[in-house]
Amino acid sequence: MNAYNVPLSTSLSEWTALLSPSDSLQSRGIFLSARNRREHFVDTLRFAVKREGGLGLMLREIAGGREDGAGITVVEEVLPGGNAEG
């Protein structure tokens, strides 16, 4: 899976948050997108993680403070022994 990941430095310049209206394929919302869609593909995955005992995730905000309130937070590391591990 890591073969498809991009370094944090690349995501800082390539990723953007888009406000999208609903259409026949998806409901309205804020979605992650790549500025250069020929070179990078963005996929969205959802996981359920219990809060009790801590998530075990090191998060980093890479974009925020926009007028519309949208931002991007990425998982920088999954901590050993946390609920997100495995």
C-alpha atoms as a PDB file:
ATOM      1  CA  MET A   1       0.000   0.000   0.000  1.00  0.00           C
ATOM      2  CA  ASN A   2       2.833   2.428   0.714  1.00  0.00           C
ATOM      3  CA  ALA A   3       3.788   2.292  -2.960  1.00  0.00           C
ATOM      4  CA  TYR A   4       0.842   4.615  -3.585  1.00  0.00           C
ATOM      5  CA  ASN A   5       1.536   7.082  -0.781  1.00  0.00           C
ATOM      6  CA  VAL A   6       3.190  10.418  -1.441  1.00  0.00           C
ATOM      7  CA  PRO A   7       5.697  12.076   0.885  1.00  0.00           C
ATOM      8  CA  LEU A   8       4.327  14.741   3.201  1.00  0.00           C
ATOM      9  CA  SER A   9       6.299  17.406   1.315  1.00  0.00           C
ATOM     10  CA  THR A  10       4.481  16.471  -1.915  1.00  0.00           C
ATOM     11  CA  SER A  11       1.058  16.430  -0.264  1.00  0.00           C
ATOM     12  CA  LEU A  12       1.653  19.955   1.074  1.00  0.00           C
ATOM     13  CA  SER A  13       1.862  21.332  -2.448  1.00  0.00           C
ATOM     14  CA  GLU A  14      -0.419  18.902  -4.309  1.00  0.00           C
ATOM     15  CA  TRP A  15      -3.492  18.378  -2.144  1.00  0.00           C
ATOM     16  CA  THR A  16      -6.429  20.731  -1.904  1.00  0.00           C
ATOM     17  CA  ALA A  17      -9.904  20.595  -0.350  1.00  0.00           C
ATOM     18  CA  LEU A  18     -12.807  21.095  -2.749  1.00  0.00           C
ATOM     19  CA  LEU A  19     -16.364  22.060  -1.851  1.00  0.00           C
ATOM     20  CA  SER A  20     -18.550  19.958  -4.151  1.00  0.00           C
ATOM     21  CA  PRO A  21     -22.308  20.124  -4.744  1.00  0.00           C
ATOM     22  CA  SER A  22     -24.265  16.870  -4.902  1.00  0.00           C
ATOM     23  CA  ASP A  23     -24.583  15.070  -8.213  1.00  0.00           C
ATOM     24  CA  SER A  24     -25.654  11.631  -9.426  1.00  0.00           C
ATOM     25  CA  LEU A  25     -22.410  10.033  -8.161  1.00  0.00           C
ATOM     26  CA  GLN A  26     -21.853  11.620  -4.736  1.00  0.00           C
ATOM     27  CA  SER A  27     -23.537  13.704  -2.109  1.00  0.00           C
ATOM     28  CA  ARG A  28     -22.514  17.276  -1.364  1.00  0.00           C
ATOM     29  CA  GLY A  29     -19.437  17.769   0.799  1.00  0.00           C
ATOM     30  CA  ILE A  30     -15.793  18.680   1.150  1.00  0.00           C
ATOM     31  CA  PHE A  31     -13.445  16.327  -0.667  1.00  0.00           C
ATOM     32  CA  LEU A  32      -9.690  15.918  -0.984  1.00  0.00           C
ATOM     33  CA  SER A  33      -8.309  16.477  -4.475  1.00  0.00           C
ATOM     34  CA  ALA A  34      -4.923  16.683  -6.181  1.00  0.00           C
ATOM     35  CA  ARG A  35      -3.941  19.832  -8.033  1.00  0.00           C
ATOM     36  CA  ASN A  36      -2.159  17.711 -10.676  1.00  0.00           C
ATOM     37  CA  ARG A  37      -4.670  14.943 -11.409  1.00  0.00           C
ATOM     38  CA  ARG A  38      -2.496  13.422 -14.137  1.00  0.00           C
ATOM     39  CA  GLU A  39       0.300  12.598 -11.696  1.00  0.00           C
ATOM     40  CA  HIS A  40      -1.652  11.936  -8.472  1.00  0.00           C
ATOM     41  CA  PHE A  41      -4.819  10.061  -7.574  1.00  0.00           C
ATOM     42  CA  VAL A  42      -6.737  10.739  -4.377  1.00  0.00           C
ATOM     43  CA  ASP A  43      -8.848   7.997  -2.829  1.00  0.00           C
ATOM     44  CA  THR A  44     -11.024   8.293   0.256  1.00  0.00           C
ATOM     45  CA  LEU A  45     -11.187   5.487   2.795  1.00  0.00           C
ATOM     46  CA  ARG A  46     -13.276   5.360   5.970  1.00  0.00           C
ATOM     47  CA  PHE A  47     -12.431   3.428   9.099  1.00  0.00           C
ATOM     48  CA  ALA A  48     -14.231   3.010  12.400  1.00  0.00           C
ATOM     49  CA  VAL A  49     -11.840   3.414  15.361  1.00  0.00           C
ATOM     50  CA  LYS A  50     -12.915   3.228  19.019  1.00  0.00           C
ATOM     51  CA  ARG A  51     -12.168   6.374  21.016  1.00  0.00           C
ATOM     52  CA  GLU A  52     -11.924   4.585  24.362  1.00  0.00           C
ATOM     53  CA  GLY A  53      -8.246   4.182  25.219  1.00  0.00           C
ATOM     54  CA  GLY A  54      -7.098   6.716  22.616  1.00  0.00           C
ATOM     55  CA  LEU A  55      -7.045   6.665  18.844  1.00  0.00           C
ATOM     56  CA  GLY A  56      -3.306   6.081  18.575  1.00  0.00           C
ATOM     57  CA  LEU A  57      -2.911   8.445  15.645  1.00  0.00           C
ATOM     58  CA  MET A  58      -0.381  11.239  15.175  1.00  0.00           C
ATOM     59  CA  LEU A  59      -2.200  13.873  13.111  1.00  0.00           C
ATOM     60  CA  ARG A  60      -0.827  16.851  11.195  1.00  0.00           C
ATOM     61  CA  GLU A  61      -2.868  19.735   9.801  1.00  0.00           C
ATOM     62  CA  ILE A  62      -1.433  20.606   6.411  1.00  0.00           C
ATOM     63  CA  ALA A  63      -4.053  23.115   5.266  1.00  0.00           C
ATOM     64  CA  GLY A  64      -6.532  25.220   7.123  1.00  0.00           C
ATOM     65  CA  GLY A  65      -7.608  28.721   7.969  1.00  0.00           C
ATOM     66  CA  ARG A  66      -9.595  29.095   4.768  1.00  0.00           C
ATOM     67  CA  GLU A  67     -12.520  31.461   4.630  1.00  0.00           C
ATOM     68  CA  ASP A  68     -14.919  28.558   4.043  1.00  0.00           C
ATOM     69  CA  GLY A  69     -13.609  26.615   7.064  1.00  0.00           C
ATOM     70  CA  ALA A  70     -12.247  23.691   5.017  1.00  0.00           C
ATOM     71  CA  GLY A  71      -8.869  22.179   5.813  1.00  0.00           C
ATOM     72  CA  ILE A  72      -6.800  19.023   5.471  1.00  0.00           C
ATOM     73  CA  THR A  73      -5.507  16.879   8.326  1.00  0.00           C
ATOM     74  CA  VAL A  74      -3.414  13.795   7.539  1.00  0.00           C
ATOM     75  CA  VAL A  75      -2.365  10.795   9.606  1.00  0.00           C
ATOM     76  CA  GLU A  76       1.375  11.194  10.051  1.00  0.00           C
ATOM     77  CA  GLU A  77       1.870   8.031  12.110  1.00  0.00           C
ATOM     78  CA  VAL A  78      -0.101   5.150  13.626  1.00  0.00           C
ATOM     79  CA  LEU A  79       1.190   4.742  17.172  1.00  0.00           C
ATOM     80  CA  PRO A  80       1.938   1.265  18.548  1.00  0.00           C
ATOM     81  CA  GLY A  81      -0.644  -0.038  21.018  1.00  0.00           C
ATOM     82  CA  GLY A  82      -3.364   2.439  19.979  1.00  0.00           C
ATOM     83  CA  ASN A  83      -6.838   1.555  18.747  1.00  0.00           C
ATOM     84  CA  ALA A  84      -5.952   2.398  15.142  1.00  0.00           C
ATOM     85  CA  GLU A  85      -3.184  -0.214  15.008  1.00  0.00           C
ATOM     86  CA  GLY A  86      -4.239  -3.362  13.185  1.00  0.00           C
END
